[in-house]
Amino acid sequence: MGWLISKWRQFQAWWTHKPVQEKKRIKSFIPLILYATFVLYGVIYLSILNSVNRYKTGTTVKSWFGGEAPAIVKMKEKQAKEIEASFKELRKRVSGNR
């Protein structure tokens, strides 16, 4: 905890000796840094979600009011079966069971 206080005091000493124009210039970078951080985090987070839930049909968004309607569940099951069937049709059969 002591190193944090000493770092804070070093930062305060560094900041107080800066001219006003330099302080404004440095402060103008704060929104840019925050925006870039959120965009990068969003891109990485969404890419992870996309790769984790790639073959799961509709599991990422759930209703706040409990389960889903039976028609939606049937439609999801049908869609999952169609996806699996399409992959089986796309695979090329080779000799030698490889």
PDB file of N, CA and C in Angstrom:
ATOM      1  N   MET A   1       0.829  -1.198   0.000  1.00  0.00           N
ATOM      2  CA  MET A   1       0.000   0.000   0.000  1.00  0.00           C
ATOM      3  C   MET A   1       0.869   1.255   0.000  1.00  0.00           C
ATOM      4  N   GLY A   2       2.021   1.144   0.640  1.00  0.00           N
ATOM      5  CA  GLY A   2       2.912   2.301   0.715  1.00  0.00           C
ATOM      6  C   GLY A   2       3.453   2.698  -0.650  1.00  0.00           C
ATOM      7  N   TRP A   3       3.728   1.708  -1.511  1.00  0.00           N
ATOM      8  CA  TRP A   3       4.240   2.029  -2.848  1.00  0.00           C
ATOM      9  C   TRP A   3       3.191   2.754  -3.672  1.00  0.00           C
ATOM     10  N   LEU A   4       1.909   2.438  -3.441  1.00  0.00           N
ATOM     11  CA  LEU A   4       0.843   3.123  -4.165  1.00  0.00           C
ATOM     12  C   LEU A   4       0.771   4.597  -3.772  1.00  0.00           C
ATOM     13  N   ILE A   5       0.930   4.847  -2.481  1.00  0.00           N
ATOM     14  CA  ILE A   5       0.911   6.237  -2.005  1.00  0.00           C
ATOM     15  C   ILE A   5       2.112   6.996  -2.554  1.00  0.00           C
ATOM     16  N   SER A   6       3.276   6.355  -2.567  1.00  0.00           N
ATOM     17  CA  SER A   6       4.462   7.040  -3.091  1.00  0.00           C
ATOM     18  C   SER A   6       4.323   7.302  -4.600  1.00  0.00           C
ATOM     19  N   LYS A   7       3.749   6.354  -5.333  1.00  0.00           N
ATOM     20  CA  LYS A   7       3.525   6.571  -6.767  1.00  0.00           C
ATOM     21  C   LYS A   7       2.539   7.717  -6.986  1.00  0.00           C
ATOM     22  N   TRP A   8       1.499   7.793  -6.151  1.00  0.00           N
ATOM     23  CA  TRP A   8       0.517   8.870  -6.269  1.00  0.00           C
ATOM     24  C   TRP A   8       1.187  10.222  -6.014  1.00  0.00           C
ATOM     25  N   ARG A   9       2.047  10.289  -5.030  1.00  0.00           N
ATOM     26  CA  ARG A   9       2.749  11.545  -4.730  1.00  0.00           C
ATOM     27  C   ARG A   9       3.694  11.930  -5.868  1.00  0.00           C
ATOM     28  N   GLN A  10       4.354  10.932  -6.465  1.00  0.00           N
ATOM     29  CA  GLN A  10       5.213  11.218  -7.614  1.00  0.00           C
ATOM     30  C   GLN A  10       4.393  11.753  -8.779  1.00  0.00           C
ATOM     31  N   PHE A  11       3.222  11.160  -8.993  1.00  0.00           N
ATOM     32  CA  PHE A  11       2.352  11.623 -10.064  1.00  0.00           C
ATOM     33  C   PHE A  11       1.870  13.045  -9.803  1.00  0.00           C
ATOM     34  N   GLN A  12       1.479  13.335  -8.564  1.00  0.00           N
ATOM     35  CA  GLN A  12       1.042  14.692  -8.217  1.00  0.00           C
ATOM     36  C   GLN A  12       2.162  15.708  -8.437  1.00  0.00           C
ATOM     37  N   ALA A  13       3.366  15.365  -8.040  1.00  0.00           N
ATOM     38  CA  ALA A  13       4.500  16.282  -8.230  1.00  0.00           C
ATOM     39  C   ALA A  13       4.758  16.505  -9.717  1.00  0.00           C
ATOM     40  N   TRP A  14       4.677  15.449 -10.497  1.00  0.00           N
ATOM     41  CA  TRP A  14       4.877  15.572 -11.941  1.00  0.00           C
ATOM     42  C   TRP A  14       3.780  16.429 -12.567  1.00  0.00           C
ATOM     43  N   TRP A  15       2.542  16.248 -12.118  1.00  0.00           N
ATOM     44  CA  TRP A  15       1.394  16.957 -12.698  1.00  0.00           C
ATOM     45  C   TRP A  15       1.405  18.440 -12.333  1.00  0.00           C
ATOM     46  N   THR A  16       1.779  18.765 -11.117  1.00  0.00           N
ATOM     47  CA  THR A  16       1.733  20.172 -10.686  1.00  0.00           C
ATOM     48  C   THR A  16       2.778  21.023 -11.407  1.00  0.00           C
ATOM     49  N   HIS A  17       3.834  20.414 -11.895  1.00  0.00           N
ATOM     50  CA  HIS A  17       4.875  21.179 -12.569  1.00  0.00           C
ATOM     51  C   HIS A  17       4.620  21.350 -14.066  1.00  0.00           C
ATOM     52  N   LYS A  18       3.540  20.803 -14.566  1.00  0.00           N
ATOM     53  CA  LYS A  18       3.210  20.940 -15.989  1.00  0.00           C
ATOM     54  C   LYS A  18       2.515  22.271 -16.241  1.00  0.00           C
ATOM     55  N   PRO A  19       2.767  22.899 -17.375  1.00  0.00           N
ATOM     56  CA  PRO A  19       2.036  24.124 -17.729  1.00  0.00           C
ATOM     57  C   PRO A  19       0.567  23.800 -18.052  1.00  0.00           C
ATOM     58  N   VAL A  20      -0.274  24.819 -18.021  1.00  0.00           N
ATOM     59  CA  VAL A  20      -1.715  24.633 -18.228  1.00  0.00           C
ATOM     60  C   VAL A  20      -2.000  24.085 -19.623  1.00  0.00           C
ATOM     61  N   GLN A  21      -1.298  24.585 -20.617  1.00  0.00           N
ATOM     62  CA  GLN A  21      -1.513  24.119 -21.989  1.00  0.00           C
ATOM     63  C   GLN A  21      -1.169  22.626 -22.115  1.00  0.00           C
ATOM     64  N   GLU A  22      -0.111  22.212 -21.460  1.00  0.00           N
ATOM     65  CA  GLU A  22       0.281  20.797 -21.488  1.00  0.00           C
ATOM     66  C   GLU A  22      -0.743  19.931 -20.761  1.00  0.00           C
ATOM     67  N   LYS A  23      -1.300  20.434 -19.660  1.00  0.00           N
ATOM     68  CA  LYS A  23      -2.323  19.694 -18.924  1.00  0.00           C
ATOM     69  C   LYS A  23      -3.564  19.487 -19.800  1.00  0.00           C
ATOM     70  N   LYS A  24      -3.973  20.530 -20.531  1.00  0.00           N
ATOM     71  CA  LYS A  24      -5.131  20.411 -21.419  1.00  0.00           C
ATOM     72  C   LYS A  24      -4.864  19.392 -22.522  1.00  0.00           C
ATOM     73  N   ARG A  25      -3.661  19.405 -23.056  1.00  0.00           N
ATOM     74  CA  ARG A  25      -3.310  18.465 -24.121  1.00  0.00           C
ATOM     75  C   ARG A  25      -3.352  17.025 -23.619  1.00  0.00           C
ATOM     76  N   ILE A  26      -2.825  16.808 -22.433  1.00  0.00           N
ATOM     77  CA  ILE A  26      -2.830  15.460 -21.864  1.00  0.00           C
ATOM     78  C   ILE A  26      -4.248  15.021 -21.530  1.00  0.00           C
ATOM     79  N   LYS A  27      -5.065  15.920 -20.982  1.00  0.00           N
ATOM     80  CA  LYS A  27      -6.456  15.580 -20.645  1.00  0.00           C
ATOM     81  C   LYS A  27      -7.280  15.248 -21.887  1.00  0.00           C
ATOM     82  N   SER A  28      -6.924  15.816 -23.024  1.00  0.00           N
ATOM     83  CA  SER A  28      -7.689  15.549 -24.235  1.00  0.00           C
ATOM     84  C   SER A  28      -7.510  14.112 -24.723  1.00  0.00           C
ATOM     85  N   PHE A  29      -6.454  13.443 -24.272  1.00  0.00           N
ATOM     86  CA  PHE A  29      -6.239  12.050 -24.663  1.00  0.00           C
ATOM     87  C   PHE A  29      -7.091  11.065 -23.873  1.00  0.00           C
ATOM     88  N   ILE A  30      -7.645  11.480 -22.745  1.00  0.00           N
ATOM     89  CA  ILE A  30      -8.411  10.562 -21.894  1.00  0.00           C
ATOM     90  C   ILE A  30      -9.612   9.969 -22.631  1.00  0.00           C
ATOM     91  N   PRO A  31     -10.472  10.764 -23.288  1.00  0.00           N
ATOM     92  CA  PRO A  31     -11.599  10.141 -24.009  1.00  0.00           C
ATOM     93  C   PRO A  31     -11.135   9.226 -25.141  1.00  0.00           C
ATOM     94  N   LEU A  32     -10.069   9.593 -25.812  1.00  0.00           N
ATOM     95  CA  LEU A  32      -9.545   8.758 -26.889  1.00  0.00           C
ATOM     96  C   LEU A  32      -9.065   7.410 -26.362  1.00  0.00           C
ATOM     97  N   ILE A  33      -8.360   7.426 -25.257  1.00  0.00           N
ATOM     98  CA  ILE A  33      -7.872   6.188 -24.651  1.00  0.00           C
ATOM     99  C   ILE A  33      -9.037   5.320 -24.182  1.00  0.00           C
ATOM    100  N   LEU A  34     -10.032   5.921 -23.539  1.00  0.00           N
ATOM    101  CA  LEU A  34     -11.197   5.160 -23.083  1.00  0.00           C
ATOM    102  C   LEU A  34     -11.956   4.557 -24.261  1.00  0.00           C
ATOM    103  N   TYR A  35     -12.167   5.350 -25.294  1.00  0.00           N
ATOM    104  CA  TYR A  35     -12.895   4.853 -26.468  1.00  0.00           C
ATOM    105  C   TYR A  35     -12.141   3.685 -27.109  1.00  0.00           C
ATOM    106  N   ALA A  36     -10.846   3.822 -27.283  1.00  0.00           N
ATOM    107  CA  ALA A  36     -10.051   2.754 -27.893  1.00  0.00           C
ATOM    108  C   ALA A  36     -10.084   1.496 -27.028  1.00  0.00           C
ATOM    109  N   THR A  37     -10.024   1.670 -25.712  1.00  0.00           N
ATOM    110  CA  THR A  37     -10.078   0.527 -24.809  1.00  0.00           C
ATOM    111  C   THR A  37     -11.408  -0.202 -24.931  1.00  0.00           C
ATOM    112  N   PHE A  38     -12.517   0.541 -24.949  1.00  0.00           N
ATOM    113  CA  PHE A  38     -13.828  -0.090 -25.054  1.00  0.00           C
ATOM    114  C   PHE A  38     -14.026  -0.765 -26.409  1.00  0.00           C
ATOM    115  N   VAL A  39     -13.531  -0.159 -27.456  1.00  0.00           N
ATOM    116  CA  VAL A  39     -13.667  -0.774 -28.786  1.00  0.00           C
ATOM    117  C   VAL A  39     -12.856  -2.066 -28.858  1.00  0.00           C
ATOM    118  N   LEU A  40     -11.627  -2.030 -28.397  1.00  0.00           N
ATOM    119  CA  LEU A  40     -10.802  -3.240 -28.408  1.00  0.00           C
ATOM    120  C   LEU A  40     -11.411  -4.334 -27.534  1.00  0.00           C
ATOM    121  N   TYR A  41     -11.877  -3.959 -26.348  1.00  0.00           N
ATOM    122  CA  TYR A  41     -12.504  -4.937 -25.467  1.00  0.00           C
ATOM    123  C   TYR A  41     -13.752  -5.519 -26.123  1.00  0.00           C
ATOM    124  N   GLY A  42     -14.547  -4.676 -26.753  1.00  0.00           N
ATOM    125  CA  GLY A  42     -15.758  -5.149 -27.421  1.00  0.00           C
ATOM    126  C   GLY A  42     -15.443  -6.094 -28.564  1.00  0.00           C
ATOM    127  N   VAL A  43     -14.439  -5.777 -29.355  1.00  0.00           N
ATOM    128  CA  VAL A  43     -14.077  -6.642 -30.477  1.00  0.00           C
ATOM    129  C   VAL A  43     -13.582  -7.992 -29.975  1.00  0.00           C
ATOM    130  N   ILE A  44     -12.721  -7.968 -28.984  1.00  0.00           N
ATOM    131  CA  ILE A  44     -12.204  -9.218 -28.439  1.00  0.00           C
ATOM    132  C   ILE A  44     -13.314 -10.021 -27.785  1.00  0.00           C
ATOM    133  N   TYR A  45     -14.170  -9.351 -26.994  1.00  0.00           N
ATOM    134  CA  TYR A  45     -15.259 -10.040 -26.306  1.00  0.00           C
ATOM    135  C   TYR A  45     -16.232 -10.657 -27.305  1.00  0.00           C
ATOM    136  N   LEU A  46     -16.596  -9.907 -28.330  1.00  0.00           N
ATOM    137  CA  LEU A  46     -17.529 -10.441 -29.318  1.00  0.00           C
ATOM    138  C   LEU A  46     -16.914 -11.572 -30.126  1.00  0.00           C
ATOM    139  N   SER A  47     -15.629 -11.492 -30.414  1.00  0.00           N
ATOM    140  CA  SER A  47     -14.998 -12.585 -31.153  1.00  0.00           C
ATOM    141  C   SER A  47     -14.939 -13.853 -30.301  1.00  0.00           C
ATOM    142  N   ILE A  48     -14.727 -13.700 -28.999  1.00  0.00           N
ATOM    143  CA  ILE A  48     -14.737 -14.864 -28.114  1.00  0.00           C
ATOM    144  C   ILE A  48     -16.144 -15.441 -28.049  1.00  0.00           C
ATOM    145  N   LEU A  49     -17.147 -14.580 -27.908  1.00  0.00           N
ATOM    146  CA  LEU A  49     -18.533 -15.064 -27.885  1.00  0.00           C
ATOM    147  C   LEU A  49     -18.873 -15.780 -29.174  1.00  0.00           C
ATOM    148  N   ASN A  50     -18.419 -15.237 -30.288  1.00  0.00           N
ATOM    149  CA  ASN A  50     -18.722 -15.839 -31.576  1.00  0.00           C
ATOM    150  C   ASN A  50     -18.063 -17.206 -31.705  1.00  0.00           C
ATOM    151  N   SER A  51     -16.836 -17.325 -31.258  1.00  0.00           N
ATOM    152  CA  SER A  51     -16.152 -18.615 -31.390  1.00  0.00           C
ATOM    153  C   SER A  51     -16.679 -19.637 -30.395  1.00  0.00           C
ATOM    154  N   VAL A  52     -17.075 -19.205 -29.203  1.00  0.00           N
ATOM    155  CA  VAL A  52     -17.584 -20.146 -28.205  1.00  0.00           C
ATOM    156  C   VAL A  52     -18.965 -20.647 -28.593  1.00  0.00           C
ATOM    157  N   ASN A  53     -19.795 -19.761 -29.085  1.00  0.00           N
ATOM    158  CA  ASN A  53     -21.184 -20.115 -29.376  1.00  0.00           C
ATOM    159  C   ASN A  53     -21.445 -20.301 -30.864  1.00  0.00           C
ATOM    160  N   ARG A  54     -20.435 -20.706 -31.619  1.00  0.00           N
ATOM    161  CA  ARG A  54     -20.569 -20.791 -33.067  1.00  0.00           C
ATOM    162  C   ARG A  54     -21.644 -21.784 -33.496  1.00  0.00           C
ATOM    163  N   TYR A  55     -21.689 -22.957 -32.908  1.00  0.00           N
ATOM    164  CA  TYR A  55     -22.635 -23.981 -33.353  1.00  0.00           C
ATOM    165  C   TYR A  55     -23.829 -24.126 -32.418  1.00  0.00           C
ATOM    166  N   LYS A  56     -23.949 -23.230 -31.481  1.00  0.00           N
ATOM    167  CA  LYS A  56     -25.114 -23.245 -30.598  1.00  0.00           C
ATOM    168  C   LYS A  56     -26.139 -22.292 -31.191  1.00  0.00           C
ATOM    169  N   THR A  57     -27.307 -22.780 -31.445  1.00  0.00           N
ATOM    170  CA  THR A  57     -28.313 -21.937 -32.100  1.00  0.00           C
ATOM    171  C   THR A  57     -29.161 -21.242 -31.047  1.00  0.00           C
ATOM    172  N   GLY A  58     -28.946 -19.972 -30.876  1.00  0.00           N
ATOM    173  CA  GLY A  58     -29.800 -19.155 -30.016  1.00  0.00           C
ATOM    174  C   GLY A  58     -29.575 -19.304 -28.534  1.00  0.00           C
ATOM    175  N   THR A  59     -28.396 -19.679 -28.081  1.00  0.00           N
ATOM    176  CA  THR A  59     -28.187 -19.849 -26.643  1.00  0.00           C
ATOM    177  C   THR A  59     -27.604 -18.603 -25.990  1.00  0.00           C
ATOM    178  N   THR A  60     -27.204 -17.623 -26.770  1.00  0.00           N
ATOM    179  CA  THR A  60     -26.559 -16.463 -26.160  1.00  0.00           C
ATOM    180  C   THR A  60     -27.566 -15.454 -25.629  1.00  0.00           C
ATOM    181  N   VAL A  61     -28.738 -15.376 -26.217  1.00  0.00           N
ATOM    182  CA  VAL A  61     -29.742 -14.412 -25.778  1.00  0.00           C
ATOM    183  C   VAL A  61     -30.920 -15.178 -25.212  1.00  0.00           C
ATOM    184  N   LYS A  62     -31.225 -14.933 -23.962  1.00  0.00           N
ATOM    185  CA  LYS A  62     -32.343 -15.604 -23.304  1.00  0.00           C
ATOM    186  C   LYS A  62     -33.374 -14.561 -22.890  1.00  0.00           C
ATOM    187  N   SER A  63     -34.579 -15.030 -22.712  1.00  0.00           N
ATOM    188  CA  SER A  63     -35.652 -14.139 -22.270  1.00  0.00           C
ATOM    189  C   SER A  63     -35.494 -13.866 -20.780  1.00  0.00           C
ATOM    190  N   TRP A  64     -35.843 -12.670 -20.355  1.00  0.00           N
ATOM    191  CA  TRP A  64     -35.809 -12.331 -18.938  1.00  0.00           C
ATOM    192  C   TRP A  64     -36.993 -12.940 -18.202  1.00  0.00           C
ATOM    193  N   PHE A  65     -37.993 -13.377 -18.939  1.00  0.00           N
ATOM    194  CA  PHE A  65     -39.230 -13.819 -18.311  1.00  0.00           C
ATOM    195  C   PHE A  65     -39.321 -15.329 -18.222  1.00  0.00           C
ATOM    196  N   GLY A  66     -38.194 -16.008 -18.153  1.00  0.00           N
ATOM    197  CA  GLY A  66     -38.220 -17.451 -18.007  1.00  0.00           C
ATOM    198  C   GLY A  66     -37.862 -18.146 -19.293  1.00  0.00           C
ATOM    199  N   GLY A  67     -38.464 -19.333 -19.492  1.00  0.00           N
ATOM    200  CA  GLY A  67     -38.143 -20.144 -20.653  1.00  0.00           C
ATOM    201  C   GLY A  67     -38.715 -19.581 -21.941  1.00  0.00           C
ATOM    202  N   GLU A  68     -38.422 -20.272 -23.021  1.00  0.00           N
ATOM    203  CA  GLU A  68     -38.875 -19.823 -24.326  1.00  0.00           C
ATOM    204  C   GLU A  68     -40.127 -20.590 -24.732  1.00  0.00           C
ATOM    205  N   ALA A  69     -40.826 -20.041 -25.697  1.00  0.00           N
ATOM    206  CA  ALA A  69     -42.052 -20.667 -26.175  1.00  0.00           C
ATOM    207  C   ALA A  69     -41.733 -22.006 -26.847  1.00  0.00           C
ATOM    208  N   PRO A  70     -42.662 -22.971 -26.780  1.00  0.00           N
ATOM    209  CA  PRO A  70     -42.402 -24.286 -27.392  1.00  0.00           C
ATOM    210  C   PRO A  70     -42.120 -24.194 -28.894  1.00  0.00           C
ATOM    211  N   ALA A  71     -42.760 -23.263 -29.576  1.00  0.00           N
ATOM    212  CA  ALA A  71     -42.518 -23.113 -31.016  1.00  0.00           C
ATOM    213  C   ALA A  71     -41.070 -22.713 -31.287  1.00  0.00           C
ATOM    214  N   ILE A  72     -40.528 -21.861 -30.440  1.00  0.00           N
ATOM    215  CA  ILE A  72     -39.138 -21.425 -30.619  1.00  0.00           C
ATOM    216  C   ILE A  72     -38.187 -22.580 -30.343  1.00  0.00           C
ATOM    217  N   VAL A  73     -38.484 -23.384 -29.317  1.00  0.00           N
ATOM    218  CA  VAL A  73     -37.639 -24.531 -28.995  1.00  0.00           C
ATOM    219  C   VAL A  73     -37.634 -25.523 -30.158  1.00  0.00           C
ATOM    220  N   LYS A  74     -38.809 -25.790 -30.747  1.00  0.00           N
ATOM    221  CA  LYS A  74     -38.896 -26.707 -31.892  1.00  0.00           C
ATOM    222  C   LYS A  74     -38.117 -26.161 -33.087  1.00  0.00           C
ATOM    223  N   MET A  75     -38.249 -24.850 -33.313  1.00  0.00           N
ATOM    224  CA  MET A  75     -37.543 -24.231 -34.426  1.00  0.00           C
ATOM    225  C   MET A  75     -36.028 -24.322 -34.228  1.00  0.00           C
ATOM    226  N   LYS A  76     -35.547 -24.137 -32.999  1.00  0.00           N
ATOM    227  CA  LYS A  76     -34.117 -24.238 -32.725  1.00  0.00           C
ATOM    228  C   LYS A  76     -33.616 -25.663 -32.950  1.00  0.00           C
ATOM    229  N   GLU A  77     -34.402 -26.646 -32.508  1.00  0.00           N
ATOM    230  CA  GLU A  77     -34.003 -28.041 -32.707  1.00  0.00           C
ATOM    231  C   GLU A  77     -33.953 -28.381 -34.191  1.00  0.00           C
ATOM    232  N   LYS A  78     -34.943 -27.898 -34.935  1.00  0.00           N
ATOM    233  CA  LYS A  78     -34.973 -28.141 -36.377  1.00  0.00           C
ATOM    234  C   LYS A  78     -33.765 -27.501 -37.055  1.00  0.00           C
ATOM    235  N   GLN A  79     -33.453 -26.283 -36.641  1.00  0.00           N
ATOM    236  CA  GLN A  79     -32.318 -25.575 -37.222  1.00  0.00           C
ATOM    237  C   GLN A  79     -31.003 -26.292 -36.902  1.00  0.00           C
ATOM    238  N   ALA A  80     -30.858 -26.785 -35.679  1.00  0.00           N
ATOM    239  CA  ALA A  80     -29.641 -27.511 -35.303  1.00  0.00           C
ATOM    240  C   ALA A  80     -29.502 -28.790 -36.126  1.00  0.00           C
ATOM    241  N   LYS A  81     -30.602 -29.506 -36.350  1.00  0.00           N
ATOM    242  CA  LYS A  81     -30.565 -30.715 -37.169  1.00  0.00           C
ATOM    243  C   LYS A  81     -30.187 -30.389 -38.613  1.00  0.00           C
ATOM    244  N   GLU A  82     -30.722 -29.291 -39.142  1.00  0.00           N
ATOM    245  CA  GLU A  82     -30.386 -28.881 -40.510  1.00  0.00           C
ATOM    246  C   GLU A  82     -28.907 -28.535 -40.635  1.00  0.00           C
ATOM    247  N   ILE A  83     -28.360 -27.876 -39.626  1.00  0.00           N
ATOM    248  CA  ILE A  83     -26.940 -27.515 -39.651  1.00  0.00           C
ATOM    249  C   ILE A  83     -26.082 -28.778 -39.646  1.00  0.00           C
ATOM    250  N   GLU A  84     -26.405 -29.713 -38.768  1.00  0.00           N
ATOM    251  CA  GLU A  84     -25.656 -30.967 -38.716  1.00  0.00           C
ATOM    252  C   GLU A  84     -25.765 -31.741 -40.026  1.00  0.00           C
ATOM    253  N   ALA A  85     -26.972 -31.789 -40.595  1.00  0.00           N
ATOM    254  CA  ALA A  85     -27.175 -32.510 -41.854  1.00  0.00           C
ATOM    255  C   ALA A  85     -26.383 -31.857 -42.990  1.00  0.00           C
ATOM    256  N   SER A  86     -26.330 -30.540 -43.010  1.00  0.00           N
ATOM    257  CA  SER A  86     -25.598 -29.858 -44.078  1.00  0.00           C
ATOM    258  C   SER A  86     -24.102 -30.151 -43.981  1.00  0.00           C
ATOM    259  N   PHE A  87     -23.569 -30.258 -42.757  1.00  0.00           N
ATOM    260  CA  PHE A  87     -22.157 -30.586 -42.608  1.00  0.00           C
ATOM    261  C   PHE A  87     -21.885 -32.016 -43.061  1.00  0.00           C
ATOM    262  N   LYS A  88     -22.808 -32.923 -42.794  1.00  0.00           N
ATOM    263  CA  LYS A  88     -22.613 -34.305 -43.221  1.00  0.00           C
ATOM    264  C   LYS A  88     -22.624 -34.404 -44.737  1.00  0.00           C
ATOM    265  N   GLU A  89     -23.469 -33.632 -45.410  1.00  0.00           N
ATOM    266  CA  GLU A  89     -23.538 -33.660 -46.864  1.00  0.00           C
ATOM    267  C   GLU A  89     -22.308 -33.024 -47.507  1.00  0.00           C
ATOM    268  N   LEU A  90     -21.719 -32.046 -46.832  1.00  0.00           N
ATOM    269  CA  LEU A  90     -20.567 -31.345 -47.398  1.00  0.00           C
ATOM    270  C   LEU A  90     -19.275 -32.164 -47.313  1.00  0.00           C
ATOM    271  N   ARG A  91     -19.208 -33.072 -46.348  1.00  0.00           N
ATOM    272  CA  ARG A  91     -17.977 -33.850 -46.186  1.00  0.00           C
ATOM    273  C   ARG A  91     -17.813 -34.829 -47.341  1.00  0.00           C
ATOM    274  N   LYS A  92     -16.650 -34.856 -47.873  1.00  0.00           N
ATOM    275  CA  LYS A  92     -16.360 -35.736 -48.997  1.00  0.00           C
ATOM    276  C   LYS A  92     -15.934 -37.102 -48.471  1.00  0.00           C
ATOM    277  N   ARG A  93     -16.535 -38.129 -49.026  1.00  0.00           N
ATOM    278  CA  ARG A  93     -16.161 -39.487 -48.611  1.00  0.00           C
ATOM    279  C   ARG A  93     -14.863 -39.881 -49.317  1.00  0.00           C
ATOM    280  N   VAL A  94     -13.952 -40.442 -48.534  1.00  0.00           N
ATOM    281  CA  VAL A  94     -12.662 -40.848 -49.086  1.00  0.00           C
ATOM    282  C   VAL A  94     -12.475 -42.337 -48.874  1.00  0.00           C
ATOM    283  N   SER A  95     -11.647 -42.918 -49.709  1.00  0.00           N
ATOM    284  CA  SER A  95     -11.378 -44.351 -49.542  1.00  0.00           C
ATOM    285  C   SER A  95     -10.373 -44.545 -48.424  1.00  0.00           C
ATOM    286  N   GLY A  96     -10.448 -45.670 -47.783  1.00  0.00           N
ATOM    287  CA  GLY A  96      -9.507 -45.967 -46.710  1.00  0.00           C
ATOM    288  C   GLY A  96      -9.956 -45.445 -45.357  1.00  0.00           C
ATOM    289  N   ASN A  97     -11.167 -44.943 -45.248  1.00  0.00           N
ATOM    290  CA  ASN A  97     -11.733 -44.452 -43.969  1.00  0.00           C
ATOM    291  C   ASN A  97     -10.840 -43.416 -43.310  1.00  0.00           C
ATOM    292  N   ARG A  98     -10.278 -42.483 -44.079  1.00  0.00           N
ATOM    293  CA  ARG A  98      -9.461 -41.420 -43.507  1.00  0.00           C
ATOM    294  C   ARG A  98     -10.256 -40.160 -43.398  1.00  0.00           C
TER     295      ARG A  98
END
